[in-house]
Amino acid sequence: MIARSFVSAYLEELYRSLNRNTAIFASFSALAILLACLGLIGLSIATADRRIKEIGVREAMGASTLQILRLLLWQFSKPVLIANVVAWPIAWWSMRRWLDGFAYHVPLNFWLFPAAGFLVLVLGVLTVGAQSFFAASQQPIKALRYE
């Protein structure tokens, strides 16, 4: 007797593990992004607390809140940009190998990597920006009171 089934059921069976791996990868990616944002918040709080006197002196010497905010955000943007430059070749190589395993090949566009890097940079700036703005907008007398 010949076992018969629909083509859609056969294709679903072929891609069942891929769909499961996609869901697992998406949940772990969301968890990693959440942990990275929490780490950035902690790092920005520690940096602002460590540099509170420097920020107070800069404000007392006439620096605007925007200049101090730019200084603090640039400090956190440099490692993100360096990490992107290092990660792009690794990501391209691993995605190329993964996509080669499929029957129908999809071209891997280069613009995806800078777009992802830009999204990560925006997420980092938004995460660090609030704490940096709070530190930059404080009165300089509070930071310099005990000196």
Protein backbone atom coordinates (compact mmCIF):
# COMPACT_ATOMS: atom_id res chain seq x y z
CA MET A 1 0.00 0.00 0.00
CA ILE A 2 1.30 3.47 -0.90
CA ALA A 3 1.31 6.12 1.79
CA ARG A 4 -0.23 9.28 0.43
CA SER A 5 -0.10 12.76 1.83
CA PHE A 6 -0.51 16.33 0.72
CA VAL A 7 2.49 18.24 -0.55
CA SER A 8 1.83 21.00 1.97
CA ALA A 9 2.03 18.46 4.83
CA TYR A 10 5.29 17.13 3.42
CA LEU A 11 6.79 20.62 3.15
CA GLU A 12 5.60 21.47 6.66
CA GLU A 13 7.37 18.39 7.96
CA LEU A 14 10.56 19.42 6.15
CA TYR A 15 10.57 22.89 7.64
CA ARG A 16 9.26 22.02 11.12
CA SER A 17 12.74 22.03 12.67
CA LEU A 18 13.61 25.29 10.89
CA ASN A 19 10.48 26.95 12.28
CA ARG A 20 11.26 25.66 15.78
CA ASN A 21 14.86 26.89 15.55
CA THR A 22 13.61 30.28 14.31
CA ALA A 23 11.32 30.67 17.32
CA ILE A 24 14.10 29.66 19.73
CA PHE A 25 16.58 32.01 18.05
CA ALA A 26 14.09 34.90 18.17
CA SER A 27 13.42 34.41 21.90
CA PHE A 28 17.09 34.20 22.80
CA SER A 29 17.82 37.24 20.62
CA ALA A 30 15.15 39.25 22.42
CA LEU A 31 16.59 38.15 25.77
CA ALA A 32 20.12 39.10 24.66
CA ILE A 33 18.93 42.54 23.53
CA LEU A 34 17.14 43.08 26.84
CA LEU A 35 20.23 42.08 28.82
CA ALA A 36 22.45 44.28 26.65
CA CYS A 37 20.17 47.28 27.24
CA LEU A 38 20.17 46.63 30.99
CA GLY A 39 23.96 46.42 30.89
CA LEU A 40 24.17 49.69 28.97
CA ILE A 41 21.90 51.37 31.52
CA GLY A 42 24.08 50.13 34.37
CA LEU A 43 27.23 51.17 32.58
CA SER A 44 25.87 54.64 31.83
CA ILE A 45 24.80 55.11 35.46
CA ALA A 46 28.23 54.06 36.69
CA THR A 47 30.02 56.27 34.16
CA ALA A 48 27.86 59.29 34.93
CA ASP A 49 28.39 58.76 38.65
CA ARG A 50 32.15 58.42 38.17
CA ARG A 51 32.36 61.50 35.97
CA ILE A 52 29.90 63.69 37.89
CA LYS A 53 32.63 66.09 39.02
CA GLU A 54 33.98 66.39 35.47
CA ILE A 55 30.48 67.10 34.21
CA GLY A 56 30.02 69.71 36.95
CA VAL A 57 33.31 71.44 36.05
CA ARG A 58 32.42 71.42 32.35
CA GLU A 59 29.03 72.97 33.13
CA ALA A 60 30.62 75.57 35.42
CA MET A 61 33.07 76.48 32.65
CA GLY A 62 30.20 77.08 30.23
CA ALA A 63 29.54 73.79 28.45
CA SER A 64 25.95 73.32 27.38
CA THR A 65 23.84 70.29 28.18
CA LEU A 66 23.96 69.30 24.52
CA GLN A 67 27.78 69.35 24.48
CA ILE A 68 27.98 67.17 27.60
CA LEU A 69 25.32 64.84 26.22
CA ARG A 70 27.28 64.53 22.97
CA LEU A 71 30.45 63.74 24.94
CA LEU A 72 28.77 60.99 26.96
CA LEU A 73 26.96 59.49 23.98
CA TRP A 74 30.13 59.42 21.88
CA GLN A 75 31.86 57.49 24.65
CA PHE A 76 29.26 54.74 24.33
CA SER A 77 28.95 54.91 20.54
CA LYS A 78 32.61 54.16 19.79
CA PRO A 79 32.55 50.57 21.13
CA VAL A 80 29.26 49.90 19.35
CA LEU A 81 30.71 51.07 16.04
CA ILE A 82 33.90 49.04 16.52
CA ALA A 83 31.86 45.96 17.42
CA ASN A 84 29.81 46.39 14.24
CA VAL A 85 32.90 46.56 12.05
CA VAL A 86 34.25 43.40 13.68
CA ALA A 87 30.91 41.56 13.54
CA TRP A 88 29.99 42.28 9.90
CA PRO A 89 32.48 39.85 8.28
CA ILE A 90 31.66 37.13 10.82
CA ALA A 91 27.92 37.61 10.29
CA TRP A 92 28.32 37.63 6.50
CA TRP A 93 30.36 34.41 6.58
CA SER A 94 27.96 32.58 8.91
CA MET A 95 24.84 33.73 7.03
CA ARG A 96 26.41 32.76 3.71
CA ARG A 97 27.14 29.25 5.01
CA TRP A 98 23.63 28.90 6.44
CA LEU A 99 21.94 30.13 3.25
CA ASP A 100 24.02 27.77 1.11
CA GLY A 101 22.21 24.86 2.75
CA PHE A 102 18.94 25.72 1.02
CA ALA A 103 17.89 24.61 -2.44
CA TYR A 104 16.92 28.08 -3.61
CA HIS A 105 19.72 30.53 -2.98
CA VAL A 106 18.92 34.05 -1.84
CA PRO A 107 21.42 36.84 -2.37
CA LEU A 108 22.79 38.32 0.82
CA ASN A 109 22.55 42.09 0.41
CA PHE A 110 25.33 44.18 1.91
CA TRP A 111 23.00 46.99 3.03
CA LEU A 112 21.51 44.69 5.71
CA PHE A 113 24.66 44.90 7.82
CA PRO A 114 24.89 48.72 8.05
CA ALA A 115 21.11 48.84 8.61
CA ALA A 116 21.43 46.43 11.54
CA GLY A 117 24.39 48.41 12.86
CA PHE A 118 22.37 51.61 12.63
CA LEU A 119 19.48 50.02 14.54
CA VAL A 120 21.86 48.83 17.25
CA LEU A 121 23.41 52.29 17.47
CA VAL A 122 19.98 53.93 17.76
CA LEU A 123 18.97 51.45 20.46
CA GLY A 124 22.19 52.14 22.36
CA VAL A 125 21.77 55.92 22.08
CA LEU A 126 18.18 55.71 23.29
CA THR A 127 19.19 53.48 26.18
CA VAL A 128 22.12 55.62 27.29
CA GLY A 129 20.62 58.96 26.26
CA ALA A 130 18.10 59.26 29.06
CA GLN A 131 20.63 58.67 31.82
CA SER A 132 23.19 60.88 30.12
CA PHE A 133 20.64 63.68 29.76
CA PHE A 134 19.78 63.38 33.45
CA ALA A 135 23.47 63.60 34.39
CA ALA A 136 24.13 66.48 32.00
CA SER A 137 21.14 68.54 33.13
CA GLN A 138 22.03 68.50 36.84
CA GLN A 139 23.14 71.71 38.47
CA PRO A 140 26.96 71.93 38.68
CA ILE A 141 26.77 73.07 42.29
CA LYS A 142 25.47 69.65 43.33
CA ALA A 143 28.53 67.95 41.85
CA LEU A 144 31.05 70.48 43.16
CA ARG A 145 29.55 71.12 46.59
CA TYR A 146 31.90 68.85 48.51
CA GLU A 147 35.13 69.96 46.81
